[in-house]
Amino acid sequence: ICQLEAVELDNSVSLVGILKGVFQSQPYYIQRFDSGEYR
């Protein structure tokens, strides 16, 4: 279908993440997809 490259990520939703997300510039539900390895 196509050439695929993949980066492993555990982006499970957590209560700690939700609480921390209140103080982050990006919404938590989006922030959890950020990854240095992907970049």
PDB file of all heavy atoms in Angstrom:
ATOM      1  N   ILE A   1       0.852  -1.197   0.000  1.00  0.00           N
ATOM      2  CA  ILE A   1       0.000   0.000   0.000  1.00  0.00           C
ATOM      3  C   ILE A   1       0.888   1.247   0.000  1.00  0.00           C
ATOM      4  O   ILE A   1       0.693   2.173  -0.758  1.00  0.00           O
ATOM      5  CB  ILE A   1      -0.928   0.019   1.252  1.00  0.00           C
ATOM      6  CG1 ILE A   1      -1.838  -1.202   1.266  1.00  0.00           C
ATOM      7  CG2 ILE A   1      -1.742   1.303   1.319  1.00  0.00           C
ATOM      8  CD1 ILE A   1      -2.892  -1.243   0.195  1.00  0.00           C
ATOM      9  N   CYS A   2       1.873   1.255   0.906  1.00  0.00           N
ATOM     10  CA  CYS A   2       2.822   2.374   0.968  1.00  0.00           C
ATOM     11  C   CYS A   2       4.031   1.951   1.800  1.00  0.00           C
ATOM     12  O   CYS A   2       4.021   0.903   2.433  1.00  0.00           O
ATOM     13  CB  CYS A   2       2.172   3.615   1.591  1.00  0.00           C
ATOM     14  SG  CYS A   2       1.840   3.448   3.357  1.00  0.00           S
ATOM     15  N   GLN A   3       5.042   2.813   1.790  1.00  0.00           N
ATOM     16  CA  GLN A   3       6.227   2.570   2.622  1.00  0.00           C
ATOM     17  C   GLN A   3       5.938   3.162   3.996  1.00  0.00           C
ATOM     18  O   GLN A   3       5.626   4.355   4.101  1.00  0.00           O
ATOM     19  CB  GLN A   3       7.414   3.274   1.960  1.00  0.00           C
ATOM     20  CG  GLN A   3       8.755   2.846   2.503  1.00  0.00           C
ATOM     21  CD  GLN A   3       9.877   3.587   1.766  1.00  0.00           C
ATOM     22  OE1 GLN A   3       9.812   3.794   0.556  1.00  0.00           O
ATOM     23  NE2 GLN A   3      10.877   4.005   2.502  1.00  0.00           N
ATOM     24  N   LEU A   4       6.025   2.347   5.032  1.00  0.00           N
ATOM     25  CA  LEU A   4       5.637   2.792   6.377  1.00  0.00           C
ATOM     26  C   LEU A   4       6.830   2.816   7.328  1.00  0.00           C
ATOM     27  O   LEU A   4       7.599   1.869   7.395  1.00  0.00           O
ATOM     28  CB  LEU A   4       4.559   1.847   6.933  1.00  0.00           C
ATOM     29  CG  LEU A   4       4.195   1.997   8.412  1.00  0.00           C
ATOM     30  CD1 LEU A   4       3.499   3.317   8.686  1.00  0.00           C
ATOM     31  CD2 LEU A   4       3.302   0.847   8.876  1.00  0.00           C
ATOM     32  N   GLU A   5       6.969   3.923   8.053  1.00  0.00           N
ATOM     33  CA  GLU A   5       7.908   4.006   9.180  1.00  0.00           C
ATOM     34  C   GLU A   5       7.064   4.262  10.423  1.00  0.00           C
ATOM     35  O   GLU A   5       6.091   5.030  10.368  1.00  0.00           O
ATOM     36  CB  GLU A   5       8.871   5.182   8.992  1.00  0.00           C
ATOM     37  CG  GLU A   5       9.698   5.087   7.733  1.00  0.00           C
ATOM     38  CD  GLU A   5      11.179   4.988   8.020  1.00  0.00           C
ATOM     39  OE1 GLU A   5      11.546   4.676   9.168  1.00  0.00           O
ATOM     40  OE2 GLU A   5      11.960   5.203   7.090  1.00  0.00           O
ATOM     41  N   ALA A   6       7.423   3.607  11.541  1.00  0.00           N
ATOM     42  CA  ALA A   6       6.598   3.755  12.744  1.00  0.00           C
ATOM     43  C   ALA A   6       7.452   4.055  13.970  1.00  0.00           C
ATOM     44  O   ALA A   6       8.573   3.556  14.092  1.00  0.00           O
ATOM     45  CB  ALA A   6       5.777   2.494  12.971  1.00  0.00           C
ATOM     46  N   VAL A   7       6.921   4.888  14.858  1.00  0.00           N
ATOM     47  CA  VAL A   7       7.580   5.242  16.117  1.00  0.00           C
ATOM     48  C   VAL A   7       6.665   4.794  17.247  1.00  0.00           C
ATOM     49  O   VAL A   7       5.490   5.172  17.290  1.00  0.00           O
ATOM     50  CB  VAL A   7       7.814   6.776  16.195  1.00  0.00           C
ATOM     51  CG1 VAL A   7       8.299   7.177  17.582  1.00  0.00           C
ATOM     52  CG2 VAL A   7       8.799   7.226  15.121  1.00  0.00           C
ATOM     53  N   GLU A   8       7.196   3.984  18.147  1.00  0.00           N
ATOM     54  CA  GLU A   8       6.365   3.454  19.240  1.00  0.00           C
ATOM     55  C   GLU A   8       6.060   4.546  20.265  1.00  0.00           C
ATOM     56  O   GLU A   8       6.888   5.402  20.535  1.00  0.00           O
ATOM     57  CB  GLU A   8       7.055   2.255  19.901  1.00  0.00           C
ATOM     58  CG  GLU A   8       7.111   1.067  18.959  1.00  0.00           C
ATOM     59  CD  GLU A   8       7.564  -0.237  19.624  1.00  0.00           C
ATOM     60  OE1 GLU A   8       7.617  -0.296  20.870  1.00  0.00           O
ATOM     61  OE2 GLU A   8       7.863  -1.191  18.881  1.00  0.00           O
ATOM     62  N   LEU A   9       4.826   4.489  20.803  1.00  0.00           N
ATOM     63  CA  LEU A   9       4.391   5.522  21.753  1.00  0.00           C
ATOM     64  C   LEU A   9       3.344   4.944  22.695  1.00  0.00           C
ATOM     65  O   LEU A   9       2.411   4.271  22.265  1.00  0.00           O
ATOM     66  CB  LEU A   9       3.763   6.694  20.961  1.00  0.00           C
ATOM     67  CG  LEU A   9       3.150   7.834  21.781  1.00  0.00           C
ATOM     68  CD1 LEU A   9       4.235   8.714  22.390  1.00  0.00           C
ATOM     69  CD2 LEU A   9       2.224   8.706  20.926  1.00  0.00           C
ATOM     70  N   ASP A  10       3.518   5.222  23.984  1.00  0.00           N
ATOM     71  CA  ASP A  10       2.452   4.915  24.946  1.00  0.00           C
ATOM     72  C   ASP A  10       1.757   6.241  25.261  1.00  0.00           C
ATOM     73  O   ASP A  10       2.286   7.071  25.995  1.00  0.00           O
ATOM     74  CB  ASP A  10       3.039   4.295  26.219  1.00  0.00           C
ATOM     75  CG  ASP A  10       1.947   3.957  27.244  1.00  0.00           C
ATOM     76  OD1 ASP A  10       0.755   4.192  26.932  1.00  0.00           O
ATOM     77  OD2 ASP A  10       2.274   3.471  28.340  1.00  0.00           O
ATOM     78  N   ASN A  11       0.595   6.442  24.665  1.00  0.00           N
ATOM     79  CA  ASN A  11      -0.118   7.720  24.869  1.00  0.00           C
ATOM     80  C   ASN A  11      -1.398   7.499  25.677  1.00  0.00           C
ATOM     81  O   ASN A  11      -2.394   8.186  25.495  1.00  0.00           O
ATOM     82  CB  ASN A  11      -0.431   8.371  23.522  1.00  0.00           C
ATOM     83  CG  ASN A  11      -1.402   7.543  22.696  1.00  0.00           C
ATOM     84  OD1 ASN A  11      -1.525   6.342  22.893  1.00  0.00           O
ATOM     85  ND2 ASN A  11      -2.096   8.178  21.775  1.00  0.00           N
ATOM     86  N   SER A  12      -1.357   6.505  26.583  1.00  0.00           N
ATOM     87  CA  SER A  12      -2.534   6.198  27.408  1.00  0.00           C
ATOM     88  C   SER A  12      -2.966   7.445  28.186  1.00  0.00           C
ATOM     89  O   SER A  12      -2.130   8.213  28.680  1.00  0.00           O
ATOM     90  CB  SER A  12      -2.205   5.085  28.412  1.00  0.00           C
ATOM     91  OG  SER A  12      -1.600   4.003  27.749  1.00  0.00           O
ATOM     92  N   VAL A  13      -4.274   7.617  28.293  1.00  0.00           N
ATOM     93  CA  VAL A  13      -4.823   8.755  29.052  1.00  0.00           C
ATOM     94  C   VAL A  13      -4.653   8.455  30.540  1.00  0.00           C
ATOM     95  O   VAL A  13      -4.955   7.349  31.000  1.00  0.00           O
ATOM     96  CB  VAL A  13      -6.323   8.953  28.720  1.00  0.00           C
ATOM     97  CG1 VAL A  13      -6.929  10.055  29.572  1.00  0.00           C
ATOM     98  CG2 VAL A  13      -6.495   9.271  27.240  1.00  0.00           C
ATOM     99  N   SER A  14      -4.146   9.446  31.302  1.00  0.00           N
ATOM    100  CA  SER A  14      -3.994   9.244  32.755  1.00  0.00           C
ATOM    101  C   SER A  14      -4.525  10.465  33.487  1.00  0.00           C
ATOM    102  O   SER A  14      -4.533  11.582  32.932  1.00  0.00           O
ATOM    103  CB  SER A  14      -2.515   9.037  33.112  1.00  0.00           C
ATOM    104  OG  SER A  14      -1.809  10.262  32.939  1.00  0.00           O
ATOM    105  N   LEU A  15      -4.937  10.257  34.714  1.00  0.00           N
ATOM    106  CA  LEU A  15      -5.467  11.364  35.521  1.00  0.00           C
ATOM    107  C   LEU A  15      -4.370  12.403  35.758  1.00  0.00           C
ATOM    108  O   LEU A  15      -4.616  13.614  35.681  1.00  0.00           O
ATOM    109  CB  LEU A  15      -6.002  10.828  36.861  1.00  0.00           C
ATOM    110  CG  LEU A  15      -6.656  11.869  37.777  1.00  0.00           C
ATOM    111  CD1 LEU A  15      -7.830  12.554  37.087  1.00  0.00           C
ATOM    112  CD2 LEU A  15      -7.115  11.235  39.077  1.00  0.00           C
ATOM    113  N   VAL A  16      -3.135  11.934  36.018  1.00  0.00           N
ATOM    114  CA  VAL A  16      -2.000  12.845  36.225  1.00  0.00           C
ATOM    115  C   VAL A  16      -1.811  13.706  34.973  1.00  0.00           C
ATOM    116  O   VAL A  16      -1.630  14.926  35.053  1.00  0.00           O
ATOM    117  CB  VAL A  16      -0.704  12.049  36.540  1.00  0.00           C
ATOM    118  CG1 VAL A  16       0.513  12.960  36.561  1.00  0.00           C
ATOM    119  CG2 VAL A  16      -0.848  11.334  37.872  1.00  0.00           C
ATOM    120  N   GLY A  17      -1.868  13.055  33.797  1.00  0.00           N
ATOM    121  CA  GLY A  17      -1.719  13.770  32.522  1.00  0.00           C
ATOM    122  C   GLY A  17      -2.796  14.823  32.343  1.00  0.00           C
ATOM    123  O   GLY A  17      -2.523  15.951  31.914  1.00  0.00           O
ATOM    124  N   ILE A  18      -4.041  14.453  32.674  1.00  0.00           N
ATOM    125  CA  ILE A  18      -5.165  15.391  32.539  1.00  0.00           C
ATOM    126  C   ILE A  18      -4.936  16.613  33.432  1.00  0.00           C
ATOM    127  O   ILE A  18      -5.111  17.757  33.003  1.00  0.00           O
ATOM    128  CB  ILE A  18      -6.507  14.686  32.892  1.00  0.00           C
ATOM    129  CG1 ILE A  18      -6.874  13.682  31.779  1.00  0.00           C
ATOM    130  CG2 ILE A  18      -7.630  15.703  33.082  1.00  0.00           C
ATOM    131  CD1 ILE A  18      -8.040  12.778  32.102  1.00  0.00           C
ATOM    132  N   LEU A  19      -4.492  16.370  34.683  1.00  0.00           N
ATOM    133  CA  LEU A  19      -4.259  17.473  35.628  1.00  0.00           C
ATOM    134  C   LEU A  19      -3.094  18.348  35.174  1.00  0.00           C
ATOM    135  O   LEU A  19      -3.168  19.574  35.208  1.00  0.00           O
ATOM    136  CB  LEU A  19      -4.013  16.927  37.039  1.00  0.00           C
ATOM    137  CG  LEU A  19      -5.222  16.225  37.688  1.00  0.00           C
ATOM    138  CD1 LEU A  19      -4.827  15.539  38.971  1.00  0.00           C
ATOM    139  CD2 LEU A  19      -6.358  17.222  37.930  1.00  0.00           C
ATOM    140  N   LYS A  20      -2.001  17.708  34.719  1.00  0.00           N
ATOM    141  CA  LYS A  20      -0.838  18.470  34.229  1.00  0.00           C
ATOM    142  C   LYS A  20      -1.227  19.296  33.000  1.00  0.00           C
ATOM    143  O   LYS A  20      -0.755  20.409  32.792  1.00  0.00           O
ATOM    144  CB  LYS A  20       0.305  17.507  33.851  1.00  0.00           C
ATOM    145  CG  LYS A  20       1.191  17.144  35.041  1.00  0.00           C
ATOM    146  CD  LYS A  20       2.037  15.946  34.724  1.00  0.00           C
ATOM    147  CE  LYS A  20       3.449  16.226  34.356  1.00  0.00           C
ATOM    148  NZ  LYS A  20       4.174  14.948  34.098  1.00  0.00           N
ATOM    149  N   GLY A  21      -2.115  18.713  32.179  1.00  0.00           N
ATOM    150  CA  GLY A  21      -2.531  19.363  30.928  1.00  0.00           C
ATOM    151  C   GLY A  21      -3.180  20.713  31.139  1.00  0.00           C
ATOM    152  O   GLY A  21      -3.157  21.571  30.253  1.00  0.00           O
ATOM    153  N   VAL A  22      -3.745  20.919  32.343  1.00  0.00           N
ATOM    154  CA  VAL A  22      -4.385  22.206  32.659  1.00  0.00           C
ATOM    155  C   VAL A  22      -3.356  23.339  32.576  1.00  0.00           C
ATOM    156  O   VAL A  22      -3.668  24.470  32.238  1.00  0.00           O
ATOM    157  CB  VAL A  22      -5.039  22.143  34.066  1.00  0.00           C
ATOM    158  CG1 VAL A  22      -5.598  23.493  34.483  1.00  0.00           C
ATOM    159  CG2 VAL A  22      -6.133  21.076  34.089  1.00  0.00           C
ATOM    160  N   PHE A  23      -2.067  23.011  32.890  1.00  0.00           N
ATOM    161  CA  PHE A  23      -1.020  24.050  32.943  1.00  0.00           C
ATOM    162  C   PHE A  23      -0.124  24.058  31.697  1.00  0.00           C
ATOM    163  O   PHE A  23       0.823  24.815  31.625  1.00  0.00           O
ATOM    164  CB  PHE A  23      -0.149  23.829  34.195  1.00  0.00           C
ATOM    165  CG  PHE A  23      -0.966  23.757  35.460  1.00  0.00           C
ATOM    166  CD1 PHE A  23      -1.263  22.525  36.051  1.00  0.00           C
ATOM    167  CD2 PHE A  23      -1.476  24.915  36.042  1.00  0.00           C
ATOM    168  CE1 PHE A  23      -2.039  22.456  37.199  1.00  0.00           C
ATOM    169  CE2 PHE A  23      -2.249  24.852  37.186  1.00  0.00           C
ATOM    170  CZ  PHE A  23      -2.532  23.632  37.769  1.00  0.00           C
ATOM    171  N   GLN A  24      -0.427  23.189  30.712  1.00  0.00           N
ATOM    172  CA  GLN A  24       0.412  23.141  29.509  1.00  0.00           C
ATOM    173  C   GLN A  24      -0.187  24.000  28.395  1.00  0.00           C
ATOM    174  O   GLN A  24      -1.388  24.244  28.367  1.00  0.00           O
ATOM    175  CB  GLN A  24       0.580  21.687  29.044  1.00  0.00           C
ATOM    176  CG  GLN A  24       1.477  20.883  29.989  1.00  0.00           C
ATOM    177  CD  GLN A  24       1.458  19.380  29.693  1.00  0.00           C
ATOM    178  OE1 GLN A  24       0.467  18.848  29.225  1.00  0.00           O
ATOM    179  NE2 GLN A  24       2.560  18.715  29.980  1.00  0.00           N
ATOM    180  N   SER A  25       0.702  24.412  27.476  1.00  0.00           N
ATOM    181  CA  SER A  25       0.226  25.321  26.416  1.00  0.00           C
ATOM    182  C   SER A  25      -0.699  24.605  25.430  1.00  0.00           C
ATOM    183  O   SER A  25      -1.601  25.202  24.871  1.00  0.00           O
ATOM    184  CB  SER A  25       1.416  25.923  25.673  1.00  0.00           C
ATOM    185  OG  SER A  25       2.215  24.890  25.126  1.00  0.00           O
ATOM    186  N   GLN A  26      -0.466  23.298  25.218  1.00  0.00           N
ATOM    187  CA  GLN A  26      -1.329  22.538  24.299  1.00  0.00           C
ATOM    188  C   GLN A  26      -2.308  21.686  25.096  1.00  0.00           C
ATOM    189  O   GLN A  26      -1.966  21.194  26.167  1.00  0.00           O
ATOM    190  CB  GLN A  26      -0.488  21.606  23.417  1.00  0.00           C
ATOM    191  CG  GLN A  26       0.232  22.332  22.302  1.00  0.00           C
ATOM    192  CD  GLN A  26       1.114  21.375  21.503  1.00  0.00           C
ATOM    193  OE1 GLN A  26       1.390  20.261  21.915  1.00  0.00           O
ATOM    194  NE2 GLN A  26       1.561  21.836  20.354  1.00  0.00           N
ATOM    195  N   PRO A  27      -3.530  21.479  24.596  1.00  0.00           N
ATOM    196  CA  PRO A  27      -4.487  20.610  25.294  1.00  0.00           C
ATOM    197  C   PRO A  27      -3.891  19.207  25.483  1.00  0.00           C
ATOM    198  O   PRO A  27      -3.217  18.686  24.585  1.00  0.00           O
ATOM    199  CB  PRO A  27      -5.688  20.557  24.343  1.00  0.00           C
ATOM    200  CG  PRO A  27      -5.519  21.717  23.425  1.00  0.00           C
ATOM    201  CD  PRO A  27      -4.058  22.008  23.338  1.00  0.00           C
ATOM    202  N   TYR A  28      -4.170  18.605  26.632  1.00  0.00           N
ATOM    203  CA  TYR A  28      -3.592  17.297  26.971  1.00  0.00           C
ATOM    204  C   TYR A  28      -3.886  16.241  25.914  1.00  0.00           C
ATOM    205  O   TYR A  28      -3.028  15.432  25.570  1.00  0.00           O
ATOM    206  CB  TYR A  28      -4.120  16.858  28.340  1.00  0.00           C
ATOM    207  CG  TYR A  28      -3.794  15.405  28.671  1.00  0.00           C
ATOM    208  CD1 TYR A  28      -2.471  14.995  28.809  1.00  0.00           C
ATOM    209  CD2 TYR A  28      -4.804  14.460  28.839  1.00  0.00           C
ATOM    210  CE1 TYR A  28      -2.167  13.667  29.099  1.00  0.00           C
ATOM    211  CE2 TYR A  28      -4.499  13.143  29.133  1.00  0.00           C
ATOM    212  CZ  TYR A  28      -3.182  12.748  29.268  1.00  0.00           C
ATOM    213  OH  TYR A  28      -2.885  11.446  29.553  1.00  0.00           O
ATOM    214  N   TYR A  29      -5.118  16.242  25.351  1.00  0.00           N
ATOM    215  CA  TYR A  29      -5.487  15.197  24.392  1.00  0.00           C
ATOM    216  C   TYR A  29      -4.663  15.289  23.111  1.00  0.00           C
ATOM    217  O   TYR A  29      -4.574  14.337  22.352  1.00  0.00           O
ATOM    218  CB  TYR A  29      -6.994  15.254  24.084  1.00  0.00           C
ATOM    219  CG  TYR A  29      -7.776  14.460  25.107  1.00  0.00           C
ATOM    220  CD1 TYR A  29      -8.020  14.994  26.367  1.00  0.00           C
ATOM    221  CD2 TYR A  29      -8.213  13.164  24.840  1.00  0.00           C
ATOM    222  CE1 TYR A  29      -8.691  14.261  27.331  1.00  0.00           C
ATOM    223  CE2 TYR A  29      -8.884  12.436  25.801  1.00  0.00           C
ATOM    224  CZ  TYR A  29      -9.120  12.983  27.039  1.00  0.00           C
ATOM    225  OH  TYR A  29      -9.769  12.246  27.998  1.00  0.00           O
ATOM    226  N   ILE A  30      -4.035  16.461  22.883  1.00  0.00           N
ATOM    227  CA  ILE A  30      -3.151  16.626  21.732  1.00  0.00           C
ATOM    228  C   ILE A  30      -1.699  16.448  22.176  1.00  0.00           C
ATOM    229  O   ILE A  30      -0.915  15.763  21.526  1.00  0.00           O
ATOM    230  CB  ILE A  30      -3.405  17.999  21.066  1.00  0.00           C
ATOM    231  CG1 ILE A  30      -4.781  17.952  20.381  1.00  0.00           C
ATOM    232  CG2 ILE A  30      -2.319  18.346  20.051  1.00  0.00           C
ATOM    233  CD1 ILE A  30      -5.375  19.262  20.026  1.00  0.00           C
ATOM    234  N   GLN A  31      -1.368  17.018  23.331  1.00  0.00           N
ATOM    235  CA  GLN A  31      -0.011  16.950  23.887  1.00  0.00           C
ATOM    236  C   GLN A  31       0.505  15.511  23.996  1.00  0.00           C
ATOM    237  O   GLN A  31       1.674  15.235  23.785  1.00  0.00           O
ATOM    238  CB  GLN A  31      -0.033  17.608  25.285  1.00  0.00           C
ATOM    239  CG  GLN A  31       1.301  17.640  26.000  1.00  0.00           C
ATOM    240  CD  GLN A  31       2.241  18.674  25.415  1.00  0.00           C
ATOM    241  OE1 GLN A  31       1.829  19.773  25.101  1.00  0.00           O
ATOM    242  NE2 GLN A  31       3.494  18.312  25.250  1.00  0.00           N
ATOM    243  N   ARG A  32      -0.385  14.569  24.300  1.00  0.00           N
ATOM    244  CA  ARG A  32       0.066  13.184  24.521  1.00  0.00           C
ATOM    245  C   ARG A  32       0.564  12.511  23.245  1.00  0.00           C
ATOM    246  O   ARG A  32       1.079  11.396  23.285  1.00  0.00           O
ATOM    247  CB  ARG A  32      -1.033  12.353  25.207  1.00  0.00           C
ATOM    248  CG  ARG A  32      -2.249  12.111  24.391  1.00  0.00           C
ATOM    249  CD  ARG A  32      -3.458  11.728  25.230  1.00  0.00           C
ATOM    250  NE  ARG A  32      -4.614  11.566  24.365  1.00  0.00           N
ATOM    251  CZ  ARG A  32      -5.063  10.405  23.920  1.00  0.00           C
ATOM    252  NH1 ARG A  32      -4.468   9.277  24.278  1.00  0.00           N
ATOM    253  NH2 ARG A  32      -6.096  10.345  23.120  1.00  0.00           N
ATOM    254  N   PHE A  33       0.396  13.186  22.086  1.00  0.00           N
ATOM    255  CA  PHE A  33       0.950  12.654  20.836  1.00  0.00           C
ATOM    256  C   PHE A  33       2.302  13.278  20.495  1.00  0.00           C
ATOM    257  O   PHE A  33       2.854  12.999  19.435  1.00  0.00           O
ATOM    258  CB  PHE A  33      -0.030  12.882  19.659  1.00  0.00           C
ATOM    259  CG  PHE A  33      -1.202  11.945  19.682  1.00  0.00           C
ATOM    260  CD1 PHE A  33      -2.412  12.349  20.223  1.00  0.00           C
ATOM    261  CD2 PHE A  33      -1.089  10.656  19.195  1.00  0.00           C
ATOM    262  CE1 PHE A  33      -3.500  11.479  20.263  1.00  0.00           C
ATOM    263  CE2 PHE A  33      -2.172   9.779  19.231  1.00  0.00           C
ATOM    264  CZ  PHE A  33      -3.374  10.197  19.764  1.00  0.00           C
ATOM    265  N   ASP A  34       2.830  14.136  21.395  1.00  0.00           N
ATOM    266  CA  ASP A  34       4.132  14.742  21.091  1.00  0.00           C
ATOM    267  C   ASP A  34       5.238  13.748  21.456  1.00  0.00           C
ATOM    268  O   ASP A  34       5.139  13.035  22.439  1.00  0.00           O
ATOM    269  CB  ASP A  34       4.318  16.056  21.849  1.00  0.00           C
ATOM    270  CG  ASP A  34       5.274  16.980  21.115  1.00  0.00           C
ATOM    271  OD1 ASP A  34       5.955  16.503  20.179  1.00  0.00           O
ATOM    272  OD2 ASP A  34       5.334  18.176  21.466  1.00  0.00           O
ATOM    273  N   SER A  35       6.286  13.717  20.628  1.00  0.00           N
ATOM    274  CA  SER A  35       7.355  12.746  20.848  1.00  0.00           C
ATOM    275  C   SER A  35       8.634  13.224  20.171  1.00  0.00           C
ATOM    276  O   SER A  35       8.637  13.531  18.975  1.00  0.00           O
ATOM    277  CB  SER A  35       6.920  11.392  20.260  1.00  0.00           C
ATOM    278  OG  SER A  35       8.019  10.630  19.811  1.00  0.00           O
ATOM    279  N   GLY A  36       9.715  13.291  20.959  1.00  0.00           N
ATOM    280  CA  GLY A  36      11.016  13.688  20.418  1.00  0.00           C
ATOM    281  C   GLY A  36      11.487  12.724  19.343  1.00  0.00           C
ATOM    282  O   GLY A  36      12.044  13.124  18.313  1.00  0.00           O
ATOM    283  N   GLU A  37      11.239  11.439  19.571  1.00  0.00           N
ATOM    284  CA  GLU A  37      11.673  10.412  18.612  1.00  0.00           C
ATOM    285  C   GLU A  37      10.946  10.579  17.267  1.00  0.00           C
ATOM    286  O   GLU A  37      11.545  10.452  16.192  1.00  0.00           O
ATOM    287  CB  GLU A  37      11.386   9.012  19.185  1.00  0.00           C
ATOM    288  CG  GLU A  37      12.089   7.908  18.415  1.00  0.00           C
ATOM    289  CD  GLU A  37      11.692   6.498  18.894  1.00  0.00           C
ATOM    290  OE1 GLU A  37      11.200   6.354  20.043  1.00  0.00           O
ATOM    291  OE2 GLU A  37      11.867   5.555  18.094  1.00  0.00           O
ATOM    292  N   TYR A  38       9.652  10.910  17.343  1.00  0.00           N
ATOM    293  CA  TYR A  38       8.871  11.120  16.113  1.00  0.00           C
ATOM    294  C   TYR A  38       9.404  12.347  15.366  1.00  0.00           C
ATOM    295  O   TYR A  38       9.569  12.329  14.145  1.00  0.00           O
ATOM    296  CB  TYR A  38       7.391  11.298  16.461  1.00  0.00           C
ATOM    297  CG  TYR A  38       6.455  11.267  15.258  1.00  0.00           C
ATOM    298  CD1 TYR A  38       5.832  10.089  14.869  1.00  0.00           C
ATOM    299  CD2 TYR A  38       6.199  12.429  14.521  1.00  0.00           C
ATOM    300  CE1 TYR A  38       4.966  10.048  13.771  1.00  0.00           C
ATOM    301  CE2 TYR A  38       5.341  12.404  13.425  1.00  0.00           C
ATOM    302  CZ  TYR A  38       4.731  11.210  13.053  1.00  0.00           C
ATOM    303  OH  TYR A  38       3.890  11.187  11.961  1.00  0.00           O
ATOM    304  N   ARG A  39       9.715  13.415  16.125  1.00  0.00           N
ATOM    305  CA  ARG A  39      10.230  14.637  15.502  1.00  0.00           C
ATOM    306  C   ARG A  39      11.561  14.369  14.796  1.00  0.00           C
ATOM    307  O   ARG A  39      11.812  14.876  13.705  1.00  0.00           O
ATOM    308  CB  ARG A  39      10.386  15.749  16.553  1.00  0.00           C
ATOM    309  CG  ARG A  39       9.035  16.307  17.004  1.00  0.00           C
ATOM    310  CD  ARG A  39       9.204  17.500  17.933  1.00  0.00           C
ATOM    311  NE  ARG A  39       7.895  17.982  18.374  1.00  0.00           N
ATOM    312  CZ  ARG A  39       7.131  18.819  17.692  1.00  0.00           C
ATOM    313  NH1 ARG A  39       7.527  19.266  16.523  1.00  0.00           N
ATOM    314  NH2 ARG A  39       5.966  19.219  18.177  1.00  0.00           N
TER     315      ARG A  39
END
